[in-house]
Amino acid sequence: MPETRLEVSCFPIPSLEEVPKDIRARMLAVQEKAGFIPNVFLLLARRPEEFRAFMAYHDALMDKREGLTAAEREMIVVAISSANQ
């Protein structure tokens, strides 16, 4: 069965095969953990340098050992995501 793709913007969302290998590997890791690849990641991949910068910023915030615990960070992500809907 072909995958159904919902367009969320005026810009075409690239397939995994269309993105650079390092970005594809990162997205597959996200898919492994979350069960899906957020369209925002696929859309950001249209601009590889910006995608890499976004993920570097994400990692700088989410992979810290001091400050908030991983669970507290995830709760903030869920709360913000819920508020954005």
PDB file of N, CA and C in Angstrom:
ATOM      1  N   MET A   1       0.846  -1.172   0.000  1.00  0.00           N
ATOM      2  CA  MET A   1       0.000   0.000   0.000  1.00  0.00           C
ATOM      3  C   MET A   1       0.892   1.237   0.000  1.00  0.00           C
ATOM      4  N   PRO A   2       0.671   2.187  -0.896  1.00  0.00           N
ATOM      5  CA  PRO A   2       1.506   3.388  -0.924  1.00  0.00           C
ATOM      6  C   PRO A   2       1.275   4.255   0.302  1.00  0.00           C
ATOM      7  N   GLU A   3       2.344   4.916   0.702  1.00  0.00           N
ATOM      8  CA  GLU A   3       2.267   5.802   1.867  1.00  0.00           C
ATOM      9  C   GLU A   3       1.460   7.045   1.510  1.00  0.00           C
ATOM     10  N   THR A   4       0.545   7.421   2.384  1.00  0.00           N
ATOM     11  CA  THR A   4      -0.234   8.641   2.190  1.00  0.00           C
ATOM     12  C   THR A   4       0.556   9.800   2.765  1.00  0.00           C
ATOM     13  N   ARG A   5       0.755  10.829   1.962  1.00  0.00           N
ATOM     14  CA  ARG A   5       1.503  11.997   2.412  1.00  0.00           C
ATOM     15  C   ARG A   5       0.568  13.193   2.427  1.00  0.00           C
ATOM     16  N   LEU A   6       0.431  13.790   3.573  1.00  0.00           N
ATOM     17  CA  LEU A   6      -0.387  14.991   3.704  1.00  0.00           C
ATOM     18  C   LEU A   6       0.521  16.207   3.602  1.00  0.00           C
ATOM     19  N   GLU A   7       0.241  17.076   2.670  1.00  0.00           N
ATOM     20  CA  GLU A   7       1.020  18.304   2.533  1.00  0.00           C
ATOM     21  C   GLU A   7       0.554  19.296   3.601  1.00  0.00           C
ATOM     22  N   VAL A   8       1.498  19.873   4.311  1.00  0.00           N
ATOM     23  CA  VAL A   8       1.162  20.815   5.368  1.00  0.00           C
ATOM     24  C   VAL A   8       1.552  22.240   5.002  1.00  0.00           C
ATOM     25  N   SER A   9       2.054  22.406   3.804  1.00  0.00           N
ATOM     26  CA  SER A   9       2.459  23.742   3.389  1.00  0.00           C
ATOM     27  C   SER A   9       2.421  23.831   1.874  1.00  0.00           C
ATOM     28  N   CYS A  10       2.774  24.986   1.376  1.00  0.00           N
ATOM     29  CA  CYS A  10       2.869  25.193  -0.074  1.00  0.00           C
ATOM     30  C   CYS A  10       4.137  24.573  -0.636  1.00  0.00           C
ATOM     31  N   PHE A  11       5.059  24.207   0.219  1.00  0.00           N
ATOM     32  CA  PHE A  11       6.327  23.641  -0.213  1.00  0.00           C
ATOM     33  C   PHE A  11       6.233  22.124  -0.251  1.00  0.00           C
ATOM     34  N   PRO A  12       6.779  21.501  -1.270  1.00  0.00           N
ATOM     35  CA  PRO A  12       6.760  20.040  -1.301  1.00  0.00           C
ATOM     36  C   PRO A  12       7.647  19.476  -0.192  1.00  0.00           C
ATOM     37  N   ILE A  13       7.187  18.424   0.419  1.00  0.00           N
ATOM     38  CA  ILE A  13       7.942  17.762   1.478  1.00  0.00           C
ATOM     39  C   ILE A  13       8.775  16.662   0.828  1.00  0.00           C
ATOM     40  N   PRO A  14      10.103  16.713   0.961  1.00  0.00           N
ATOM     41  CA  PRO A  14      10.941  15.713   0.306  1.00  0.00           C
ATOM     42  C   PRO A  14      10.791  14.335   0.951  1.00  0.00           C
ATOM     43  N   SER A  15      11.052  13.318   0.172  1.00  0.00           N
ATOM     44  CA  SER A  15      11.079  11.960   0.715  1.00  0.00           C
ATOM     45  C   SER A  15      12.443  11.742   1.368  1.00  0.00           C
ATOM     46  N   LEU A  16      12.563  10.688   2.148  1.00  0.00           N
ATOM     47  CA  LEU A  16      13.841  10.388   2.790  1.00  0.00           C
ATOM     48  C   LEU A  16      14.953  10.187   1.767  1.00  0.00           C
ATOM     49  N   GLU A  17      14.609   9.613   0.629  1.00  0.00           N
ATOM     50  CA  GLU A  17      15.605   9.349  -0.403  1.00  0.00           C
ATOM     51  C   GLU A  17      16.180  10.640  -0.991  1.00  0.00           C
ATOM     52  N   GLU A  18      15.473  11.738  -0.839  1.00  0.00           N
ATOM     53  CA  GLU A  18      15.894  13.017  -1.416  1.00  0.00           C
ATOM     54  C   GLU A  18      16.786  13.849  -0.496  1.00  0.00           C
ATOM     55  N   VAL A  19      16.915  13.465   0.757  1.00  0.00           N
ATOM     56  CA  VAL A  19      17.692  14.279   1.698  1.00  0.00           C
ATOM     57  C   VAL A  19      19.110  13.722   1.826  1.00  0.00           C
ATOM     58  N   PRO A  20      20.084  14.568   2.217  1.00  0.00           N
ATOM     59  CA  PRO A  20      21.460  14.095   2.388  1.00  0.00           C
ATOM     60  C   PRO A  20      21.545  12.935   3.385  1.00  0.00           C
ATOM     61  N   LYS A  21      22.549  12.095   3.199  1.00  0.00           N
ATOM     62  CA  LYS A  21      22.682  10.868   4.004  1.00  0.00           C
ATOM     63  C   LYS A  21      22.747  11.133   5.504  1.00  0.00           C
ATOM     64  N   ASP A  22      23.491  12.156   5.929  1.00  0.00           N
ATOM     65  CA  ASP A  22      23.601  12.415   7.364  1.00  0.00           C
ATOM     66  C   ASP A  22      22.256  12.836   7.953  1.00  0.00           C
ATOM     67  N   ILE A  23      21.499  13.599   7.191  1.00  0.00           N
ATOM     68  CA  ILE A  23      20.176  14.031   7.652  1.00  0.00           C
ATOM     69  C   ILE A  23      19.214  12.849   7.658  1.00  0.00           C
ATOM     70  N   ARG A  24      19.292  12.009   6.638  1.00  0.00           N
ATOM     71  CA  ARG A  24      18.451  10.806   6.584  1.00  0.00           C
ATOM     72  C   ARG A  24      18.715   9.923   7.803  1.00  0.00           C
ATOM     73  N   ALA A  25      19.985   9.741   8.156  1.00  0.00           N
ATOM     74  CA  ALA A  25      20.326   8.923   9.323  1.00  0.00           C
ATOM     75  C   ALA A  25      19.721   9.516  10.588  1.00  0.00           C
ATOM     76  N   ARG A  26      19.775  10.829  10.715  1.00  0.00           N
ATOM     77  CA  ARG A  26      19.205  11.493  11.894  1.00  0.00           C
ATOM     78  C   ARG A  26      17.696  11.293  11.957  1.00  0.00           C
ATOM     79  N   MET A  27      17.036  11.414  10.787  1.00  0.00           N
ATOM     80  CA  MET A  27      15.584  11.239  10.735  1.00  0.00           C
ATOM     81  C   MET A  27      15.183   9.801  11.050  1.00  0.00           C
ATOM     82  N   LEU A  28      15.965   8.851  10.573  1.00  0.00           N
ATOM     83  CA  LEU A  28      15.656   7.453  10.872  1.00  0.00           C
ATOM     84  C   LEU A  28      15.807   7.170  12.364  1.00  0.00           C
ATOM     85  N   ALA A  29      16.764   7.829  13.009  1.00  0.00           N
ATOM     86  CA  ALA A  29      16.908   7.687  14.461  1.00  0.00           C
ATOM     87  C   ALA A  29      15.690   8.262  15.177  1.00  0.00           C
ATOM     88  N   VAL A  30      15.185   9.397  14.692  1.00  0.00           N
ATOM     89  CA  VAL A  30      13.965   9.988  15.264  1.00  0.00           C
ATOM     90  C   VAL A  30      12.793   9.038  15.062  1.00  0.00           C
ATOM     91  N   GLN A  31      12.689   8.477  13.868  1.00  0.00           N
ATOM     92  CA  GLN A  31      11.597   7.547  13.570  1.00  0.00           C
ATOM     93  C   GLN A  31      11.663   6.320  14.474  1.00  0.00           C
ATOM     94  N   GLU A  32      12.861   5.825  14.707  1.00  0.00           N
ATOM     95  CA  GLU A  32      13.045   4.663  15.584  1.00  0.00           C
ATOM     96  C   GLU A  32      12.539   4.972  16.994  1.00  0.00           C
ATOM     97  N   LYS A  33      12.838   6.163  17.475  1.00  0.00           N
ATOM     98  CA  LYS A  33      12.457   6.547  18.838  1.00  0.00           C
ATOM     99  C   LYS A  33      10.984   6.934  18.945  1.00  0.00           C
ATOM    100  N   ALA A  34      10.496   7.743  17.989  1.00  0.00           N
ATOM    101  CA  ALA A  34       9.145   8.303  18.090  1.00  0.00           C
ATOM    102  C   ALA A  34       8.089   7.505  17.333  1.00  0.00           C
ATOM    103  N   GLY A  35       8.530   6.675  16.384  1.00  0.00           N
ATOM    104  CA  GLY A  35       7.569   5.912  15.597  1.00  0.00           C
ATOM    105  C   GLY A  35       7.135   6.617  14.320  1.00  0.00           C
ATOM    106  N   PHE A  36       7.617   7.843  14.101  1.00  0.00           N
ATOM    107  CA  PHE A  36       7.291   8.600  12.890  1.00  0.00           C
ATOM    108  C   PHE A  36       8.338   9.699  12.715  1.00  0.00           C
ATOM    109  N   ILE A  37       8.351  10.283  11.533  1.00  0.00           N
ATOM    110  CA  ILE A  37       9.227  11.425  11.268  1.00  0.00           C
ATOM    111  C   ILE A  37       8.338  12.657  11.148  1.00  0.00           C
ATOM    112  N   PRO A  38       8.494  13.629  12.031  1.00  0.00           N
ATOM    113  CA  PRO A  38       7.681  14.841  11.931  1.00  0.00           C
ATOM    114  C   PRO A  38       7.895  15.544  10.586  1.00  0.00           C
ATOM    115  N   ASN A  39       6.814  15.993   9.976  1.00  0.00           N
ATOM    116  CA  ASN A  39       6.911  16.700   8.698  1.00  0.00           C
ATOM    117  C   ASN A  39       7.809  17.925   8.791  1.00  0.00           C
ATOM    118  N   VAL A  40       7.874  18.547   9.969  1.00  0.00           N
ATOM    119  CA  VAL A  40       8.728  19.727  10.111  1.00  0.00           C
ATOM    120  C   VAL A  40      10.186  19.360   9.844  1.00  0.00           C
ATOM    121  N   PHE A  41      10.606  18.151  10.214  1.00  0.00           N
ATOM    122  CA  PHE A  41      11.977  17.725   9.930  1.00  0.00           C
ATOM    123  C   PHE A  41      12.179  17.548   8.435  1.00  0.00           C
ATOM    124  N   LEU A  42      11.198  16.921   7.781  1.00  0.00           N
ATOM    125  CA  LEU A  42      11.307  16.733   6.334  1.00  0.00           C
ATOM    126  C   LEU A  42      11.318  18.077   5.611  1.00  0.00           C
ATOM    127  N   LEU A  43      10.512  18.999   6.087  1.00  0.00           N
ATOM    128  CA  LEU A  43      10.468  20.318   5.459  1.00  0.00           C
ATOM    129  C   LEU A  43      11.780  21.075   5.688  1.00  0.00           C
ATOM    130  N   LEU A  44      12.306  21.008   6.904  1.00  0.00           N
ATOM    131  CA  LEU A  44      13.588  21.658   7.191  1.00  0.00           C
ATOM    132  C   LEU A  44      14.718  21.065   6.355  1.00  0.00           C
ATOM    133  N   ALA A  45      14.599  19.800   5.996  1.00  0.00           N
ATOM    134  CA  ALA A  45      15.651  19.128   5.227  1.00  0.00           C
ATOM    135  C   ALA A  45      15.801  19.707   3.826  1.00  0.00           C
ATOM    136  N   ARG A  46      14.830  20.495   3.392  1.00  0.00           N
ATOM    137  CA  ARG A  46      14.969  21.185   2.104  1.00  0.00           C
ATOM    138  C   ARG A  46      16.150  22.156   2.160  1.00  0.00           C
ATOM    139  N   ARG A  47      16.521  22.558   3.362  1.00  0.00           N
ATOM    140  CA  ARG A  47      17.660  23.463   3.572  1.00  0.00           C
ATOM    141  C   ARG A  47      18.608  22.776   4.553  1.00  0.00           C
ATOM    142  N   PRO A  48      19.484  21.911   4.045  1.00  0.00           N
ATOM    143  CA  PRO A  48      20.318  21.066   4.909  1.00  0.00           C
ATOM    144  C   PRO A  48      21.123  21.812   5.971  1.00  0.00           C
ATOM    145  N   GLU A  49      21.705  22.949   5.636  1.00  0.00           N
ATOM    146  CA  GLU A  49      22.493  23.683   6.636  1.00  0.00           C
ATOM    147  C   GLU A  49      21.618  24.128   7.806  1.00  0.00           C
ATOM    148  N   GLU A  50      20.424  24.595   7.502  1.00  0.00           N
ATOM    149  CA  GLU A  50      19.507  25.029   8.557  1.00  0.00           C
ATOM    150  C   GLU A  50      19.026  23.837   9.382  1.00  0.00           C
ATOM    151  N   PHE A  51      18.791  22.703   8.729  1.00  0.00           N
ATOM    152  CA  PHE A  51      18.393  21.495   9.460  1.00  0.00           C
ATOM    153  C   PHE A  51      19.487  21.113  10.454  1.00  0.00           C
ATOM    154  N   ARG A  52      20.726  21.104   9.986  1.00  0.00           N
ATOM    155  CA  ARG A  52      21.845  20.735  10.863  1.00  0.00           C
ATOM    156  C   ARG A  52      21.969  21.714  12.028  1.00  0.00           C
ATOM    157  N   ALA A  53      21.782  22.997  11.771  1.00  0.00           N
ATOM    158  CA  ALA A  53      21.847  23.999  12.839  1.00  0.00           C
ATOM    159  C   ALA A  53      20.712  23.798  13.844  1.00  0.00           C
ATOM    160  N   PHE A  54      19.505  23.513  13.347  1.00  0.00           N
ATOM    161  CA  PHE A  54      18.355  23.269  14.215  1.00  0.00           C
ATOM    162  C   PHE A  54      18.621  22.072  15.124  1.00  0.00           C
ATOM    163  N   MET A  55      19.150  20.992  14.541  1.00  0.00           N
ATOM    164  CA  MET A  55      19.396  19.795  15.337  1.00  0.00           C
ATOM    165  C   MET A  55      20.543  20.013  16.323  1.00  0.00           C
ATOM    166  N   ALA A  56      21.540  20.807  15.949  1.00  0.00           N
ATOM    167  CA  ALA A  56      22.625  21.122  16.881  1.00  0.00           C
ATOM    168  C   ALA A  56      22.078  21.901  18.080  1.00  0.00           C
ATOM    169  N   TYR A  57      21.163  22.835  17.805  1.00  0.00           N
ATOM    170  CA  TYR A  57      20.528  23.599  18.884  1.00  0.00           C
ATOM    171  C   TYR A  57      19.685  22.668  19.763  1.00  0.00           C
ATOM    172  N   HIS A  58      18.920  21.793  19.132  1.00  0.00           N
ATOM    173  CA  HIS A  58      18.121  20.804  19.868  1.00  0.00           C
ATOM    174  C   HIS A  58      19.020  19.986  20.792  1.00  0.00           C
ATOM    175  N   ASP A  59      20.113  19.483  20.245  1.00  0.00           N
ATOM    176  CA  ASP A  59      21.017  18.650  21.035  1.00  0.00           C
ATOM    177  C   ASP A  59      21.634  19.436  22.191  1.00  0.00           C
ATOM    178  N   ALA A  60      21.986  20.695  21.944  1.00  0.00           N
ATOM    179  CA  ALA A  60      22.572  21.525  22.999  1.00  0.00           C
ATOM    180  C   ALA A  60      21.599  21.707  24.159  1.00  0.00           C
ATOM    181  N   LEU A  61      20.314  21.797  23.855  1.00  0.00           N
ATOM    182  CA  LEU A  61      19.303  21.957  24.906  1.00  0.00           C
ATOM    183  C   LEU A  61      18.932  20.640  25.567  1.00  0.00           C
ATOM    184  N   MET A  62      18.752  19.607  24.769  1.00  0.00           N
ATOM    185  CA  MET A  62      18.167  18.365  25.274  1.00  0.00           C
ATOM    186  C   MET A  62      19.186  17.357  25.801  1.00  0.00           C
ATOM    187  N   ASP A  63      20.448  17.476  25.431  1.00  0.00           N
ATOM    188  CA  ASP A  63      21.444  16.483  25.836  1.00  0.00           C
ATOM    189  C   ASP A  63      22.322  16.933  27.000  1.00  0.00           C
ATOM    190  N   LYS A  64      21.953  18.027  27.654  1.00  0.00           N
ATOM    191  CA  LYS A  64      22.747  18.531  28.776  1.00  0.00           C
ATOM    192  C   LYS A  64      22.623  17.583  29.970  1.00  0.00           C
ATOM    193  N   ARG A  65      23.697  17.473  30.711  1.00  0.00           N
ATOM    194  CA  ARG A  65      23.703  16.622  31.907  1.00  0.00           C
ATOM    195  C   ARG A  65      23.279  17.398  33.161  1.00  0.00           C
ATOM    196  N   GLU A  66      23.463  18.726  33.142  1.00  0.00           N
ATOM    197  CA  GLU A  66      23.112  19.519  34.326  1.00  0.00           C
ATOM    198  C   GLU A  66      21.784  20.232  34.114  1.00  0.00           C
ATOM    199  N   GLY A  67      21.261  20.797  35.191  1.00  0.00           N
ATOM    200  CA  GLY A  67      19.992  21.526  35.090  1.00  0.00           C
ATOM    201  C   GLY A  67      18.806  20.585  35.166  1.00  0.00           C
ATOM    202  N   LEU A  68      17.903  20.725  34.234  1.00  0.00           N
ATOM    203  CA  LEU A  68      16.691  19.909  34.219  1.00  0.00           C
ATOM    204  C   LEU A  68      17.003  18.455  33.895  1.00  0.00           C
ATOM    205  N   THR A  69      16.182  17.560  34.433  1.00  0.00           N
ATOM    206  CA  THR A  69      16.330  16.146  34.085  1.00  0.00           C
ATOM    207  C   THR A  69      15.765  15.917  32.684  1.00  0.00           C
ATOM    208  N   ALA A  70      16.090  14.773  32.110  1.00  0.00           N
ATOM    209  CA  ALA A  70      15.561  14.427  30.781  1.00  0.00           C
ATOM    210  C   ALA A  70      14.036  14.392  30.814  1.00  0.00           C
ATOM    211  N   ALA A  71      13.461  13.863  31.895  1.00  0.00           N
ATOM    212  CA  ALA A  71      11.998  13.793  32.017  1.00  0.00           C
ATOM    213  C   ALA A  71      11.389  15.195  32.068  1.00  0.00           C
ATOM    214  N   GLU A  72      12.025  16.107  32.803  1.00  0.00           N
ATOM    215  CA  GLU A  72      11.516  17.485  32.868  1.00  0.00           C
ATOM    216  C   GLU A  72      11.587  18.165  31.499  1.00  0.00           C
ATOM    217  N   ARG A  73      12.667  17.937  30.776  1.00  0.00           N
ATOM    218  CA  ARG A  73      12.785  18.510  29.425  1.00  0.00           C
ATOM    219  C   ARG A  73      11.684  17.975  28.519  1.00  0.00           C
ATOM    220  N   GLU A  74      11.441  16.679  28.579  1.00  0.00           N
ATOM    221  CA  GLU A  74      10.401  16.072  27.741  1.00  0.00           C
ATOM    222  C   GLU A  74       9.019  16.608  28.105  1.00  0.00           C
ATOM    223  N   MET A  75       8.768  16.833  29.415  1.00  0.00           N
ATOM    224  CA  MET A  75       7.483  17.414  29.824  1.00  0.00           C
ATOM    225  C   MET A  75       7.298  18.803  29.230  1.00  0.00           C
ATOM    226  N   ILE A  76       8.354  19.589  29.191  1.00  0.00           N
ATOM    227  CA  ILE A  76       8.280  20.925  28.594  1.00  0.00           C
ATOM    228  C   ILE A  76       7.979  20.819  27.108  1.00  0.00           C
ATOM    229  N   VAL A  77       8.633  19.890  26.425  1.00  0.00           N
ATOM    230  CA  VAL A  77       8.383  19.682  24.990  1.00  0.00           C
ATOM    231  C   VAL A  77       6.924  19.316  24.753  1.00  0.00           C
ATOM    232  N   VAL A  78       6.386  18.409  25.560  1.00  0.00           N
ATOM    233  CA  VAL A  78       4.989  17.983  25.405  1.00  0.00           C
ATOM    234  C   VAL A  78       4.041  19.147  25.683  1.00  0.00           C
ATOM    235  N   ALA A  79       4.307  19.919  26.731  1.00  0.00           N
ATOM    236  CA  ALA A  79       3.439  21.055  27.065  1.00  0.00           C
ATOM    237  C   ALA A  79       3.450  22.098  25.951  1.00  0.00           C
ATOM    238  N   ILE A  80       4.617  22.398  25.412  1.00  0.00           N
ATOM    239  CA  ILE A  80       4.705  23.382  24.326  1.00  0.00           C
ATOM    240  C   ILE A  80       4.023  22.855  23.075  1.00  0.00           C
ATOM    241  N   SER A  81       4.241  21.589  22.780  1.00  0.00           N
ATOM    242  CA  SER A  81       3.604  20.987  21.607  1.00  0.00           C
ATOM    243  C   SER A  81       2.089  21.039  21.728  1.00  0.00           C
ATOM    244  N   SER A  82       1.590  20.744  22.913  1.00  0.00           N
ATOM    245  CA  SER A  82       0.144  20.782  23.148  1.00  0.00           C
ATOM    246  C   SER A  82      -0.395  22.203  22.990  1.00  0.00           C
ATOM    247  N   ALA A  83       0.337  23.170  23.510  1.00  0.00           N
ATOM    248  CA  ALA A  83      -0.098  24.566  23.408  1.00  0.00           C
ATOM    249  C   ALA A  83      -0.076  25.056  21.962  1.00  0.00           C
ATOM    250  N   ASN A  84       0.815  24.519  21.153  1.00  0.00           N
ATOM    251  CA  ASN A  84       0.926  24.932  19.752  1.00  0.00           C
ATOM    252  C   ASN A  84      -0.174  24.359  18.875  1.00  0.00           C
ATOM    253  N   GLN A  85      -0.905  23.393  19.368  1.00  0.00           N
ATOM    254  CA  GLN A  85      -1.966  22.800  18.547  1.00  0.00           C
ATOM    255  C   GLN A  85      -3.186  23.579  18.696  1.00  0.00           C
TER     256      GLN A  85
END
